[in-house]
Amino acid sequence: MALNRIQYFLTQQGRTKTWLAWRTGEKLSTISRNCANKSQPTVDRLMKISYSLGVSMEDLMVKACAICDKSLTIGDKYYQYMAAFFCSLEHKDTFIENLTGMNNVNDLDVIIKTNKNDKTDPMYD
């Protein structure tokens, strides 16, 4: 599964890995591993890459459902609990039940904010 979208943006912009390596000052082998998702860039490298490509760091990263591993990209509706992301409320509830051992997950809905209800999230405009 892809964890970053570096190759996607390179292809979209008609750029090469060699160009990105030159632009960021990184080794071509490092950029190639990052593009193939064999290794993930550090935060510093991700900042250089996002600046070079003219996209946000968040746009470069792929979110994935913590239960089914489905990729969640910009435009998808997703739910969040702490640092985990879910493609459905059922998967979020399953995760919380497994984490807390609680039988009634609805009790937590008061304190858990989901992105579905977050009107400030630009993904849902």
PDB file of N, CA and C in Angstrom:
ATOM      1  N   MET A   1       0.832  -1.178   0.000  1.00  0.00           N
ATOM      2  CA  MET A   1       0.000   0.000   0.000  1.00  0.00           C
ATOM      3  C   MET A   1       0.881   1.248   0.000  1.00  0.00           C
ATOM      4  N   ALA A   2       0.462   2.235  -0.752  1.00  0.00           N
ATOM      5  CA  ALA A   2       1.204   3.492  -0.820  1.00  0.00           C
ATOM      6  C   ALA A   2       0.987   4.304   0.448  1.00  0.00           C
ATOM      7  N   LEU A   3       2.069   4.840   0.978  1.00  0.00           N
ATOM      8  CA  LEU A   3       1.979   5.696   2.155  1.00  0.00           C
ATOM      9  C   LEU A   3       2.244   7.152   1.811  1.00  0.00           C
ATOM     10  N   ASN A   4       2.836   7.378   0.638  1.00  0.00           N
ATOM     11  CA  ASN A   4       3.019   8.755   0.195  1.00  0.00           C
ATOM     12  C   ASN A   4       2.691   8.848  -1.288  1.00  0.00           C
ATOM     13  N   ARG A   5       2.493  10.067  -1.749  1.00  0.00           N
ATOM     14  CA  ARG A   5       2.081  10.296  -3.131  1.00  0.00           C
ATOM     15  C   ARG A   5       3.141  11.092  -3.900  1.00  0.00           C
ATOM     16  N   ILE A   6       4.406  10.909  -3.567  1.00  0.00           N
ATOM     17  CA  ILE A   6       5.482  11.655  -4.219  1.00  0.00           C
ATOM     18  C   ILE A   6       5.523  11.333  -5.709  1.00  0.00           C
ATOM     19  N   GLN A   7       5.497  10.048  -6.047  1.00  0.00           N
ATOM     20  CA  GLN A   7       5.551   9.653  -7.462  1.00  0.00           C
ATOM     21  C   GLN A   7       4.345  10.190  -8.223  1.00  0.00           C
ATOM     22  N   TYR A   8       3.195  10.195  -7.580  1.00  0.00           N
ATOM     23  CA  TYR A   8       1.981  10.725  -8.222  1.00  0.00           C
ATOM     24  C   TYR A   8       2.185  12.179  -8.644  1.00  0.00           C
ATOM     25  N   PHE A   9       2.694  13.012  -7.734  1.00  0.00           N
ATOM     26  CA  PHE A   9       2.885  14.430  -8.047  1.00  0.00           C
ATOM     27  C   PHE A   9       4.018  14.646  -9.047  1.00  0.00           C
ATOM     28  N   LEU A  10       5.064  13.834  -8.984  1.00  0.00           N
ATOM     29  CA  LEU A  10       6.127  13.927  -9.989  1.00  0.00           C
ATOM     30  C   LEU A  10       5.558  13.661 -11.386  1.00  0.00           C
ATOM     31  N   THR A  11       4.791  12.597 -11.504  1.00  0.00           N
ATOM     32  CA  THR A  11       4.191  12.242 -12.788  1.00  0.00           C
ATOM     33  C   THR A  11       3.222  13.320 -13.255  1.00  0.00           C
ATOM     34  N   GLN A  12       2.403  13.801 -12.337  1.00  0.00           N
ATOM     35  CA  GLN A  12       1.410  14.824 -12.671  1.00  0.00           C
ATOM     36  C   GLN A  12       2.078  16.099 -13.198  1.00  0.00           C
ATOM     37  N   GLN A  13       3.233  16.431 -12.638  1.00  0.00           N
ATOM     38  CA  GLN A  13       3.928  17.656 -13.032  1.00  0.00           C
ATOM     39  C   GLN A  13       4.965  17.437 -14.134  1.00  0.00           C
ATOM     40  N   GLY A  14       5.121  16.201 -14.590  1.00  0.00           N
ATOM     41  CA  GLY A  14       6.083  15.909 -15.640  1.00  0.00           C
ATOM     42  C   GLY A  14       7.531  16.030 -15.178  1.00  0.00           C
ATOM     43  N   ARG A  15       7.762  15.794 -13.913  1.00  0.00           N
ATOM     44  CA  ARG A  15       9.107  15.890 -13.327  1.00  0.00           C
ATOM     45  C   ARG A  15       9.687  14.489 -13.135  1.00  0.00           C
ATOM     46  N   THR A  16      10.981  14.433 -12.916  1.00  0.00           N
ATOM     47  CA  THR A  16      11.658  13.152 -12.712  1.00  0.00           C
ATOM     48  C   THR A  16      12.203  13.061 -11.283  1.00  0.00           C
ATOM     49  N   LYS A  17      12.539  11.844 -10.894  1.00  0.00           N
ATOM     50  CA  LYS A  17      13.166  11.627  -9.589  1.00  0.00           C
ATOM     51  C   LYS A  17      14.528  12.310  -9.538  1.00  0.00           C
ATOM     52  N   THR A  18      15.216  12.324 -10.672  1.00  0.00           N
ATOM     53  CA  THR A  18      16.521  12.991 -10.746  1.00  0.00           C
ATOM     54  C   THR A  18      16.367  14.480 -10.464  1.00  0.00           C
ATOM     55  N   TRP A  19      15.340  15.085 -11.044  1.00  0.00           N
ATOM     56  CA  TRP A  19      15.078  16.505 -10.801  1.00  0.00           C
ATOM     57  C   TRP A  19      14.797  16.751  -9.320  1.00  0.00           C
ATOM     58  N   LEU A  20      13.970  15.877  -8.712  1.00  0.00           N
ATOM     59  CA  LEU A  20      13.616  16.049  -7.296  1.00  0.00           C
ATOM     60  C   LEU A  20      14.841  15.871  -6.402  1.00  0.00           C
ATOM     61  N   ALA A  21      15.694  14.913  -6.732  1.00  0.00           N
ATOM     62  CA  ALA A  21      16.926  14.709  -5.954  1.00  0.00           C
ATOM     63  C   ALA A  21      17.817  15.947  -6.045  1.00  0.00           C
ATOM     64  N   TRP A  22      17.967  16.491  -7.244  1.00  0.00           N
ATOM     65  CA  TRP A  22      18.760  17.714  -7.422  1.00  0.00           C
ATOM     66  C   TRP A  22      18.138  18.873  -6.657  1.00  0.00           C
ATOM     67  N   ARG A  23      16.826  19.026  -6.761  1.00  0.00           N
ATOM     68  CA  ARG A  23      16.117  20.149  -6.144  1.00  0.00           C
ATOM     69  C   ARG A  23      16.182  20.105  -4.618  1.00  0.00           C
ATOM     70  N   THR A  24      16.120  18.907  -4.044  1.00  0.00           N
ATOM     71  CA  THR A  24      16.099  18.769  -2.581  1.00  0.00           C
ATOM     72  C   THR A  24      17.488  18.550  -1.985  1.00  0.00           C
ATOM     73  N   GLY A  25      18.459  18.203  -2.833  1.00  0.00           N
ATOM     74  CA  GLY A  25      19.798  17.925  -2.318  1.00  0.00           C
ATOM     75  C   GLY A  25      19.918  16.541  -1.710  1.00  0.00           C
ATOM     76  N   GLU A  26      18.963  15.666  -1.990  1.00  0.00           N
ATOM     77  CA  GLU A  26      18.990  14.288  -1.482  1.00  0.00           C
ATOM     78  C   GLU A  26      19.606  13.371  -2.528  1.00  0.00           C
ATOM     79  N   LYS A  27      20.023  12.174  -2.100  1.00  0.00           N
ATOM     80  CA  LYS A  27      20.556  11.178  -3.028  1.00  0.00           C
ATOM     81  C   LYS A  27      19.406  10.645  -3.890  1.00  0.00           C
ATOM     82  N   LEU A  28      19.716  10.344  -5.142  1.00  0.00           N
ATOM     83  CA  LEU A  28      18.711   9.780  -6.048  1.00  0.00           C
ATOM     84  C   LEU A  28      18.177   8.455  -5.514  1.00  0.00           C
ATOM     85  N   SER A  29      19.036   7.647  -4.907  1.00  0.00           N
ATOM     86  CA  SER A  29      18.591   6.355  -4.364  1.00  0.00           C
ATOM     87  C   SER A  29      17.572   6.551  -3.233  1.00  0.00           C
ATOM     88  N   THR A  30      17.776   7.590  -2.435  1.00  0.00           N
ATOM     89  CA  THR A  30      16.833   7.885  -1.350  1.00  0.00           C
ATOM     90  C   THR A  30      15.483   8.312  -1.910  1.00  0.00           C
ATOM     91  N   ILE A  31      15.504   9.207  -2.893  1.00  0.00           N
ATOM     92  CA  ILE A  31      14.266   9.671  -3.522  1.00  0.00           C
ATOM     93  C   ILE A  31      13.553   8.501  -4.200  1.00  0.00           C
ATOM     94  N   SER A  32      14.304   7.629  -4.855  1.00  0.00           N
ATOM     95  CA  SER A  32      13.713   6.465  -5.526  1.00  0.00           C
ATOM     96  C   SER A  32      13.018   5.547  -4.527  1.00  0.00           C
ATOM     97  N   ARG A  33      13.653   5.295  -3.378  1.00  0.00           N
ATOM     98  CA  ARG A  33      13.030   4.458  -2.336  1.00  0.00           C
ATOM     99  C   ARG A  33      11.768   5.118  -1.800  1.00  0.00           C
ATOM    100  N   ASN A  34      11.808   6.454  -1.633  1.00  0.00           N
ATOM    101  CA  ASN A  34      10.624   7.169  -1.158  1.00  0.00           C
ATOM    102  C   ASN A  34       9.495   7.107  -2.177  1.00  0.00           C
ATOM    103  N   CYS A  35       9.820   7.282  -3.449  1.00  0.00           N
ATOM    104  CA  CYS A  35       8.798   7.241  -4.514  1.00  0.00           C
ATOM    105  C   CYS A  35       8.163   5.859  -4.625  1.00  0.00           C
ATOM    106  N   ALA A  36       8.941   4.817  -4.382  1.00  0.00           N
ATOM    107  CA  ALA A  36       8.444   3.441  -4.456  1.00  0.00           C
ATOM    108  C   ALA A  36       7.785   2.999  -3.152  1.00  0.00           C
ATOM    109  N   ASN A  37       7.757   3.871  -2.148  1.00  0.00           N
ATOM    110  CA  ASN A  37       7.198   3.566  -0.832  1.00  0.00           C
ATOM    111  C   ASN A  37       7.913   2.411  -0.142  1.00  0.00           C
ATOM    112  N   LYS A  38       9.191   2.227  -0.474  1.00  0.00           N
ATOM    113  CA  LYS A  38      10.002   1.235   0.236  1.00  0.00           C
ATOM    114  C   LYS A  38      10.509   1.803   1.549  1.00  0.00           C
ATOM    115  N   SER A  39      10.626   3.124   1.608  1.00  0.00           N
ATOM    116  CA  SER A  39      10.949   3.819   2.853  1.00  0.00           C
ATOM    117  C   SER A  39      10.206   5.148   2.818  1.00  0.00           C
ATOM    118  N   GLN A  40       9.972   5.711   3.971  1.00  0.00           N
ATOM    119  CA  GLN A  40       9.237   6.971   4.049  1.00  0.00           C
ATOM    120  C   GLN A  40      10.201   8.108   4.395  1.00  0.00           C
ATOM    121  N   PRO A  41       9.967   9.279   3.805  1.00  0.00           N
ATOM    122  CA  PRO A  41      10.864  10.402   4.080  1.00  0.00           C
ATOM    123  C   PRO A  41      10.723  10.911   5.507  1.00  0.00           C
ATOM    124  N   THR A  42      11.810  11.467   6.008  1.00  0.00           N
ATOM    125  CA  THR A  42      11.756  12.128   7.309  1.00  0.00           C
ATOM    126  C   THR A  42      10.920  13.393   7.157  1.00  0.00           C
ATOM    127  N   VAL A  43      10.563  14.017   8.252  1.00  0.00           N
ATOM    128  CA  VAL A  43       9.772  15.247   8.200  1.00  0.00           C
ATOM    129  C   VAL A  43      10.538  16.340   7.455  1.00  0.00           C
ATOM    130  N   ASP A  44      11.839  16.458   7.733  1.00  0.00           N
ATOM    131  CA  ASP A  44      12.649  17.463   7.033  1.00  0.00           C
ATOM    132  C   ASP A  44      12.666  17.224   5.526  1.00  0.00           C
ATOM    133  N   ARG A  45      12.861  15.970   5.123  1.00  0.00           N
ATOM    134  CA  ARG A  45      12.889  15.640   3.699  1.00  0.00           C
ATOM    135  C   ARG A  45      11.510  15.858   3.079  1.00  0.00           C
ATOM    136  N   LEU A  46      10.461  15.500   3.823  1.00  0.00           N
ATOM    137  CA  LEU A  46       9.098  15.702   3.320  1.00  0.00           C
ATOM    138  C   LEU A  46       8.812  17.185   3.102  1.00  0.00           C
ATOM    139  N   MET A  47       9.326  18.041   3.994  1.00  0.00           N
ATOM    140  CA  MET A  47       9.160  19.487   3.814  1.00  0.00           C
ATOM    141  C   MET A  47       9.861  19.953   2.547  1.00  0.00           C
ATOM    142  N   LYS A  48      11.087  19.476   2.307  1.00  0.00           N
ATOM    143  CA  LYS A  48      11.818  19.849   1.098  1.00  0.00           C
ATOM    144  C   LYS A  48      11.073  19.391  -0.160  1.00  0.00           C
ATOM    145  N   ILE A  49      10.560  18.171  -0.113  1.00  0.00           N
ATOM    146  CA  ILE A  49       9.858  17.607  -1.267  1.00  0.00           C
ATOM    147  C   ILE A  49       8.571  18.383  -1.532  1.00  0.00           C
ATOM    148  N   SER A  50       7.811  18.661  -0.488  1.00  0.00           N
ATOM    149  CA  SER A  50       6.548  19.382  -0.680  1.00  0.00           C
ATOM    150  C   SER A  50       6.799  20.790  -1.212  1.00  0.00           C
ATOM    151  N   TYR A  51       7.840  21.445  -0.721  1.00  0.00           N
ATOM    152  CA  TYR A  51       8.191  22.778  -1.214  1.00  0.00           C
ATOM    153  C   TYR A  51       8.603  22.713  -2.686  1.00  0.00           C
ATOM    154  N   SER A  52       9.415  21.715  -3.022  1.00  0.00           N
ATOM    155  CA  SER A  52       9.892  21.567  -4.401  1.00  0.00           C
ATOM    156  C   SER A  52       8.748  21.288  -5.371  1.00  0.00           C
ATOM    157  N   LEU A  53       7.788  20.502  -4.939  1.00  0.00           N
ATOM    158  CA  LEU A  53       6.661  20.143  -5.803  1.00  0.00           C
ATOM    159  C   LEU A  53       5.524  21.160  -5.739  1.00  0.00           C
ATOM    160  N   GLY A  54       5.589  22.064  -4.772  1.00  0.00           N
ATOM    161  CA  GLY A  54       4.545  23.075  -4.645  1.00  0.00           C
ATOM    162  C   GLY A  54       3.228  22.526  -4.127  1.00  0.00           C
ATOM    163  N   VAL A  55       3.301  21.506  -3.275  1.00  0.00           N
ATOM    164  CA  VAL A  55       2.104  20.923  -2.664  1.00  0.00           C
ATOM    165  C   VAL A  55       2.307  20.867  -1.155  1.00  0.00           C
ATOM    166  N   SER A  56       1.230  20.705  -0.418  1.00  0.00           N
ATOM    167  CA  SER A  56       1.352  20.650   1.040  1.00  0.00           C
ATOM    168  C   SER A  56       1.878  19.282   1.473  1.00  0.00           C
ATOM    169  N   MET A  57       2.452  19.242   2.658  1.00  0.00           N
ATOM    170  CA  MET A  57       2.933  17.971   3.209  1.00  0.00           C
ATOM    171  C   MET A  57       1.779  16.999   3.382  1.00  0.00           C
ATOM    172  N   GLU A  58       0.624  17.506   3.793  1.00  0.00           N
ATOM    173  CA  GLU A  58      -0.538  16.642   3.987  1.00  0.00           C
ATOM    174  C   GLU A  58      -0.984  16.005   2.670  1.00  0.00           C
ATOM    175  N   ASP A  59      -0.883  16.775   1.565  1.00  0.00           N
ATOM    176  CA  ASP A  59      -1.261  16.226   0.267  1.00  0.00           C
ATOM    177  C   ASP A  59      -0.344  15.082  -0.158  1.00  0.00           C
ATOM    178  N   LEU A  60       0.903  15.102   0.302  1.00  0.00           N
ATOM    179  CA  LEU A  60       1.853  14.050  -0.057  1.00  0.00           C
ATOM    180  C   LEU A  60       1.593  12.746   0.688  1.00  0.00           C
ATOM    181  N   MET A  61       0.948  12.818   1.841  1.00  0.00           N
ATOM    182  CA  MET A  61       0.753  11.621   2.656  1.00  0.00           C
ATOM    183  C   MET A  61      -0.619  11.001   2.397  1.00  0.00           C
ATOM    184  N   VAL A  62      -0.674   9.689   2.431  1.00  0.00           N
ATOM    185  CA  VAL A  62      -1.918   8.949   2.248  1.00  0.00           C
ATOM    186  C   VAL A  62      -2.383   8.463   3.612  1.00  0.00           C
ATOM    187  N   LYS A  63      -3.628   8.727   3.911  1.00  0.00           N
ATOM    188  CA  LYS A  63      -4.207   8.177   5.137  1.00  0.00           C
ATOM    189  C   LYS A  63      -4.808   6.811   4.788  1.00  0.00           C
ATOM    190  N   ALA A  64      -4.804   5.908   5.740  1.00  0.00           N
ATOM    191  CA  ALA A  64      -5.373   4.581   5.510  1.00  0.00           C
ATOM    192  C   ALA A  64      -6.191   4.163   6.720  1.00  0.00           C
ATOM    193  N   CYS A  65      -7.283   3.459   6.447  1.00  0.00           N
ATOM    194  CA  CYS A  65      -8.156   2.963   7.512  1.00  0.00           C
ATOM    195  C   CYS A  65      -7.359   2.004   8.405  1.00  0.00           C
ATOM    196  N   ALA A  66      -7.451   2.212   9.702  1.00  0.00           N
ATOM    197  CA  ALA A  66      -6.711   1.386  10.655  1.00  0.00           C
ATOM    198  C   ALA A  66      -7.276  -0.028  10.753  1.00  0.00           C
ATOM    199  N   ILE A  67      -8.491  -0.261  10.275  1.00  0.00           N
ATOM    200  CA  ILE A  67      -9.101  -1.584  10.340  1.00  0.00           C
ATOM    201  C   ILE A  67      -8.892  -2.362   9.040  1.00  0.00           C
ATOM    202  N   CYS A  68      -9.286  -1.777   7.893  1.00  0.00           N
ATOM    203  CA  CYS A  68      -9.249  -2.525   6.629  1.00  0.00           C
ATOM    204  C   CYS A  68      -8.116  -2.103   5.714  1.00  0.00           C
ATOM    205  N   ASP A  69      -7.349  -1.076   6.089  1.00  0.00           N
ATOM    206  CA  ASP A  69      -6.189  -0.610   5.323  1.00  0.00           C
ATOM    207  C   ASP A  69      -6.571   0.061   4.005  1.00  0.00           C
ATOM    208  N   LYS A  70      -7.847   0.441   3.855  1.00  0.00           N
ATOM    209  CA  LYS A  70      -8.278   1.140   2.640  1.00  0.00           C
ATOM    210  C   LYS A  70      -7.625   2.520   2.606  1.00  0.00           C
ATOM    211  N   SER A  71      -7.061   2.883   1.455  1.00  0.00           N
ATOM    212  CA  SER A  71      -6.449   4.204   1.312  1.00  0.00           C
ATOM    213  C   SER A  71      -7.511   5.284   1.342  1.00  0.00           C
ATOM    214  N   LEU A  72      -7.259   6.335   2.099  1.00  0.00           N
ATOM    215  CA  LEU A  72      -8.175   7.470   2.197  1.00  0.00           C
ATOM    216  C   LEU A  72      -7.434   8.684   1.663  1.00  0.00           C
ATOM    217  N   THR A  73      -7.898   9.219   0.568  1.00  0.00           N
ATOM    218  CA  THR A  73      -7.227  10.351  -0.040  1.00  0.00           C
ATOM    219  C   THR A  73      -8.111  11.579   0.008  1.00  0.00           C
ATOM    220  N   ILE A  74      -7.596  12.685  -0.454  1.00  0.00           N
ATOM    221  CA  ILE A  74      -8.325  13.942  -0.424  1.00  0.00           C
ATOM    222  C   ILE A  74      -9.668  13.765  -1.115  1.00  0.00           C
ATOM    223  N   GLY A  75     -10.715  14.246  -0.490  1.00  0.00           N
ATOM    224  CA  GLY A  75     -12.053  14.123  -1.035  1.00  0.00           C
ATOM    225  C   GLY A  75     -12.850  13.000  -0.400  1.00  0.00           C
ATOM    226  N   ASP A  76     -12.163  12.003   0.181  1.00  0.00           N
ATOM    227  CA  ASP A  76     -12.859  10.910   0.860  1.00  0.00           C
ATOM    228  C   ASP A  76     -13.392  11.397   2.199  1.00  0.00           C
ATOM    229  N   LYS A  77     -14.534  10.877   2.588  1.00  0.00           N
ATOM    230  CA  LYS A  77     -15.022  11.112   3.946  1.00  0.00           C
ATOM    231  C   LYS A  77     -14.329  10.092   4.839  1.00  0.00           C
ATOM    232  N   TYR A  78     -13.816  10.558   5.946  1.00  0.00           N
ATOM    233  CA  TYR A  78     -13.175   9.644   6.875  1.00  0.00           C
ATOM    234  C   TYR A  78     -13.436  10.114   8.290  1.00  0.00           C
ATOM    235  N   TYR A  79     -13.182   9.230   9.232  1.00  0.00           N
ATOM    236  CA  TYR A  79     -13.400   9.507  10.643  1.00  0.00           C
ATOM    237  C   TYR A  79     -12.079   9.333  11.364  1.00  0.00           C
ATOM    238  N   GLN A  80     -11.885  10.117  12.408  1.00  0.00           N
ATOM    239  CA  GLN A  80     -10.616  10.078  13.115  1.00  0.00           C
ATOM    240  C   GLN A  80     -10.860   9.863  14.599  1.00  0.00           C
ATOM    241  N   TYR A  81     -10.021   9.038  15.191  1.00  0.00           N
ATOM    242  CA  TYR A  81      -9.978   8.883  16.637  1.00  0.00           C
ATOM    243  C   TYR A  81      -8.510   8.891  17.026  1.00  0.00           C
ATOM    244  N   MET A  82      -8.118   9.902  17.767  1.00  0.00           N
ATOM    245  CA  MET A  82      -6.722  10.119  18.112  1.00  0.00           C
ATOM    246  C   MET A  82      -5.921  10.221  16.807  1.00  0.00           C
ATOM    247  N   ALA A  83      -4.889   9.406  16.628  1.00  0.00           N
ATOM    248  CA  ALA A  83      -4.061   9.507  15.421  1.00  0.00           C
ATOM    249  C   ALA A  83      -4.442   8.473  14.368  1.00  0.00           C
ATOM    250  N   ALA A  84      -5.554   7.763  14.564  1.00  0.00           N
ATOM    251  CA  ALA A  84      -5.975   6.729  13.621  1.00  0.00           C
ATOM    252  C   ALA A  84      -7.114   7.248  12.744  1.00  0.00           C
ATOM    253  N   PHE A  85      -7.183   6.716  11.522  1.00  0.00           N
ATOM    254  CA  PHE A  85      -8.212   7.110  10.571  1.00  0.00           C
ATOM    255  C   PHE A  85      -9.027   5.890  10.181  1.00  0.00           C
ATOM    256  N   PHE A  86     -10.305   6.123   9.854  1.00  0.00           N
ATOM    257  CA  PHE A  86     -11.221   5.027   9.539  1.00  0.00           C
ATOM    258  C   PHE A  86     -12.110   5.410   8.367  1.00  0.00           C
ATOM    259  N   CYS A  87     -12.457   4.413   7.526  1.00  0.00           N
ATOM    260  CA  CYS A  87     -13.287   4.676   6.355  1.00  0.00           C
ATOM    261  C   CYS A  87     -14.767   4.691   6.711  1.00  0.00           C
ATOM    262  N   SER A  88     -15.133   4.210   7.880  1.00  0.00           N
ATOM    263  CA  SER A  88     -16.545   4.199   8.291  1.00  0.00           C
ATOM    264  C   SER A  88     -16.644   4.314   9.806  1.00  0.00           C
ATOM    265  N   LEU A  89     -17.825   4.726  10.261  1.00  0.00           N
ATOM    266  CA  LEU A  89     -18.059   4.812  11.706  1.00  0.00           C
ATOM    267  C   LEU A  89     -17.985   3.432  12.354  1.00  0.00           C
ATOM    268  N   GLU A  90     -18.415   2.399  11.621  1.00  0.00           N
ATOM    269  CA  GLU A  90     -18.362   1.041  12.163  1.00  0.00           C
ATOM    270  C   GLU A  90     -16.923   0.629  12.456  1.00  0.00           C
ATOM    271  N   HIS A  91     -16.014   0.978  11.556  1.00  0.00           N
ATOM    272  CA  HIS A  91     -14.606   0.632  11.786  1.00  0.00           C
ATOM    273  C   HIS A  91     -14.028   1.432  12.950  1.00  0.00           C
ATOM    274  N   LYS A  92     -14.430   2.697  13.065  1.00  0.00           N
ATOM    275  CA  LYS A  92     -13.977   3.505  14.203  1.00  0.00           C
ATOM    276  C   LYS A  92     -14.458   2.876  15.502  1.00  0.00           C
ATOM    277  N   ASP A  93     -15.746   2.488  15.552  1.00  0.00           N
ATOM    278  CA  ASP A  93     -16.319   1.898  16.761  1.00  0.00           C
ATOM    279  C   ASP A  93     -15.642   0.566  17.104  1.00  0.00           C
ATOM    280  N   THR A  94     -15.363  -0.242  16.082  1.00  0.00           N
ATOM    281  CA  THR A  94     -14.672  -1.513  16.302  1.00  0.00           C
ATOM    282  C   THR A  94     -13.297  -1.279  16.911  1.00  0.00           C
ATOM    283  N   PHE A  95     -12.589  -0.301  16.372  1.00  0.00           N
ATOM    284  CA  PHE A  95     -11.259   0.029  16.882  1.00  0.00           C
ATOM    285  C   PHE A  95     -11.331   0.449  18.351  1.00  0.00           C
ATOM    286  N   ILE A  96     -12.283   1.309  18.674  1.00  0.00           N
ATOM    287  CA  ILE A  96     -12.411   1.811  20.045  1.00  0.00           C
ATOM    288  C   ILE A  96     -12.806   0.682  20.991  1.00  0.00           C
ATOM    289  N   GLU A  97     -13.714  -0.184  20.549  1.00  0.00           N
ATOM    290  CA  GLU A  97     -14.113  -1.330  21.385  1.00  0.00           C
ATOM    291  C   GLU A  97     -12.903  -2.207  21.685  1.00  0.00           C
ATOM    292  N   ASN A  98     -12.099  -2.487  20.666  1.00  0.00           N
ATOM    293  CA  ASN A  98     -10.905  -3.316  20.866  1.00  0.00           C
ATOM    294  C   ASN A  98      -9.889  -2.623  21.760  1.00  0.00           C
ATOM    295  N   LEU A  99      -9.794  -1.310  21.623  1.00  0.00           N
ATOM    296  CA  LEU A  99      -8.827  -0.544  22.396  1.00  0.00           C
ATOM    297  C   LEU A  99      -9.232  -0.431  23.859  1.00  0.00           C
ATOM    298  N   THR A 100     -10.509  -0.167  24.097  1.00  0.00           N
ATOM    299  CA  THR A 100     -10.966   0.116  25.453  1.00  0.00           C
ATOM    300  C   THR A 100     -11.674  -1.047  26.130  1.00  0.00           C
ATOM    301  N   GLY A 101     -12.124  -2.026  25.326  1.00  0.00           N
ATOM    302  CA  GLY A 101     -12.893  -3.127  25.880  1.00  0.00           C
ATOM    303  C   GLY A 101     -14.298  -2.716  26.279  1.00  0.00           C
ATOM    304  N   MET A 102     -14.758  -1.567  25.779  1.00  0.00           N
ATOM    305  CA  MET A 102     -16.094  -1.081  26.127  1.00  0.00           C
ATOM    306  C   MET A 102     -17.143  -1.758  25.263  1.00  0.00           C
ATOM    307  N   ASN A 103     -18.325  -1.980  25.839  1.00  0.00           N
ATOM    308  CA  ASN A 103     -19.431  -2.560  25.089  1.00  0.00           C
ATOM    309  C   ASN A 103     -20.273  -1.504  24.397  1.00  0.00           C
ATOM    310  N   ASN A 104     -20.363  -0.320  24.992  1.00  0.00           N
ATOM    311  CA  ASN A 104     -21.197   0.726  24.422  1.00  0.00           C
ATOM    312  C   ASN A 104     -20.318   1.882  23.961  1.00  0.00           C
ATOM    313  N   VAL A 105     -19.966   1.861  22.698  1.00  0.00           N
ATOM    314  CA  VAL A 105     -19.074   2.875  22.143  1.00  0.00           C
ATOM    315  C   VAL A 105     -19.771   4.223  22.048  1.00  0.00           C
ATOM    316  N   ASN A 106     -21.112   4.228  21.983  1.00  0.00           N
ATOM    317  CA  ASN A 106     -21.849   5.484  21.844  1.00  0.00           C
ATOM    318  C   ASN A 106     -21.602   6.431  23.016  1.00  0.00           C
ATOM    319  N   ASP A 107     -21.216   5.907  24.160  1.00  0.00           N
ATOM    320  CA  ASP A 107     -20.904   6.758  25.303  1.00  0.00           C
ATOM    321  C   ASP A 107     -19.729   7.686  25.006  1.00  0.00           C
ATOM    322  N   LEU A 108     -18.832   7.237  24.130  1.00  0.00           N
ATOM    323  CA  LEU A 108     -17.661   8.040  23.801  1.00  0.00           C
ATOM    324  C   LEU A 108     -17.940   9.092  22.736  1.00  0.00           C
ATOM    325  N   ASP A 109     -19.068   8.981  22.021  1.00  0.00           N
ATOM    326  CA  ASP A 109     -19.341   9.901  20.921  1.00  0.00           C
ATOM    327  C   ASP A 109     -19.403  11.354  21.361  1.00  0.00           C
ATOM    328  N   VAL A 110     -19.708  11.591  22.621  1.00  0.00           N
ATOM    329  CA  VAL A 110     -19.757  12.961  23.125  1.00  0.00           C
ATOM    330  C   VAL A 110     -18.375  13.593  23.119  1.00  0.00           C
ATOM    331  N   ILE A 111     -17.347  12.815  23.408  1.00  0.00           N
ATOM    332  CA  ILE A 111     -16.003  13.382  23.503  1.00  0.00           C
ATOM    333  C   ILE A 111     -15.159  13.175  22.251  1.00  0.00           C
ATOM    334  N   ILE A 112     -15.631  12.326  21.310  1.00  0.00           N
ATOM    335  CA  ILE A 112     -14.874  12.075  20.087  1.00  0.00           C
ATOM    336  C   ILE A 112     -15.433  12.951  18.975  1.00  0.00           C
ATOM    337  N   LYS A 113     -14.571  13.774  18.420  1.00  0.00           N
ATOM    338  CA  LYS A 113     -14.977  14.603  17.294  1.00  0.00           C
ATOM    339  C   LYS A 113     -14.602  13.869  16.016  1.00  0.00           C
ATOM    340  N   THR A 114     -15.546  13.697  15.105  1.00  0.00           N
ATOM    341  CA  THR A 114     -15.237  13.079  13.823  1.00  0.00           C
ATOM    342  C   THR A 114     -15.158  14.163  12.768  1.00  0.00           C
ATOM    343  N   ASN A 115     -14.384  13.911  11.740  1.00  0.00           N
ATOM    344  CA  ASN A 115     -14.234  14.890  10.675  1.00  0.00           C
ATOM    345  C   ASN A 115     -15.542  15.158   9.954  1.00  0.00           C
ATOM    346  N   LYS A 116     -16.465  14.203   9.996  1.00  0.00           N
ATOM    347  CA  LYS A 116     -17.761  14.389   9.344  1.00  0.00           C
ATOM    348  C   LYS A 116     -18.473  15.619   9.894  1.00  0.00           C
ATOM    349  N   ASN A 117     -18.329  15.877  11.189  1.00  0.00           N
ATOM    350  CA  ASN A 117     -18.999  16.998  11.831  1.00  0.00           C
ATOM    351  C   ASN A 117     -18.146  18.255  11.905  1.00  0.00           C
ATOM    352  N   ASP A 118     -16.910  18.161  11.430  1.00  0.00           N
ATOM    353  CA  ASP A 118     -16.000  19.293  11.509  1.00  0.00           C
ATOM    354  C   ASP A 118     -16.154  20.152  10.256  1.00  0.00           C
ATOM    355  N   LYS A 119     -16.884  21.222  10.383  1.00  0.00           N
ATOM    356  CA  LYS A 119     -17.173  22.076   9.232  1.00  0.00           C
ATOM    357  C   LYS A 119     -15.980  22.907   8.802  1.00  0.00           C
ATOM    358  N   THR A 120     -14.900  22.919   9.611  1.00  0.00           N
ATOM    359  CA  THR A 120     -13.703  23.690   9.229  1.00  0.00           C
ATOM    360  C   THR A 120     -12.759  22.871   8.371  1.00  0.00           C
ATOM    361  N   ASP A 121     -13.000  21.561   8.233  1.00  0.00           N
ATOM    362  CA  ASP A 121     -12.130  20.704   7.446  1.00  0.00           C
ATOM    363  C   ASP A 121     -12.398  20.942   5.964  1.00  0.00           C
ATOM    364  N   PRO A 122     -11.409  21.430   5.197  1.00  0.00           N
ATOM    365  CA  PRO A 122     -11.632  21.758   3.794  1.00  0.00           C
ATOM    366  C   PRO A 122     -11.951  20.548   2.922  1.00  0.00           C
ATOM    367  N   MET A 123     -11.722  19.343   3.420  1.00  0.00           N
ATOM    368  CA  MET A 123     -12.020  18.151   2.632  1.00  0.00           C
ATOM    369  C   MET A 123     -13.527  17.988   2.418  1.00  0.00           C
ATOM    370  N   TYR A 124     -14.331  18.659   3.229  1.00  0.00           N
ATOM    371  CA  TYR A 124     -15.773  18.416   3.181  1.00  0.00           C
ATOM    372  C   TYR A 124     -16.548  19.626   2.676  1.00  0.00           C
ATOM    373  N   ASP A 125     -15.889  20.530   2.019  1.00  0.00           N
ATOM    374  CA  ASP A 125     -16.599  21.697   1.457  1.00  0.00           C
ATOM    375  C   ASP A 125     -17.373  21.300   0.220  1.00  0.00           C
TER     376      ASP A 125
END
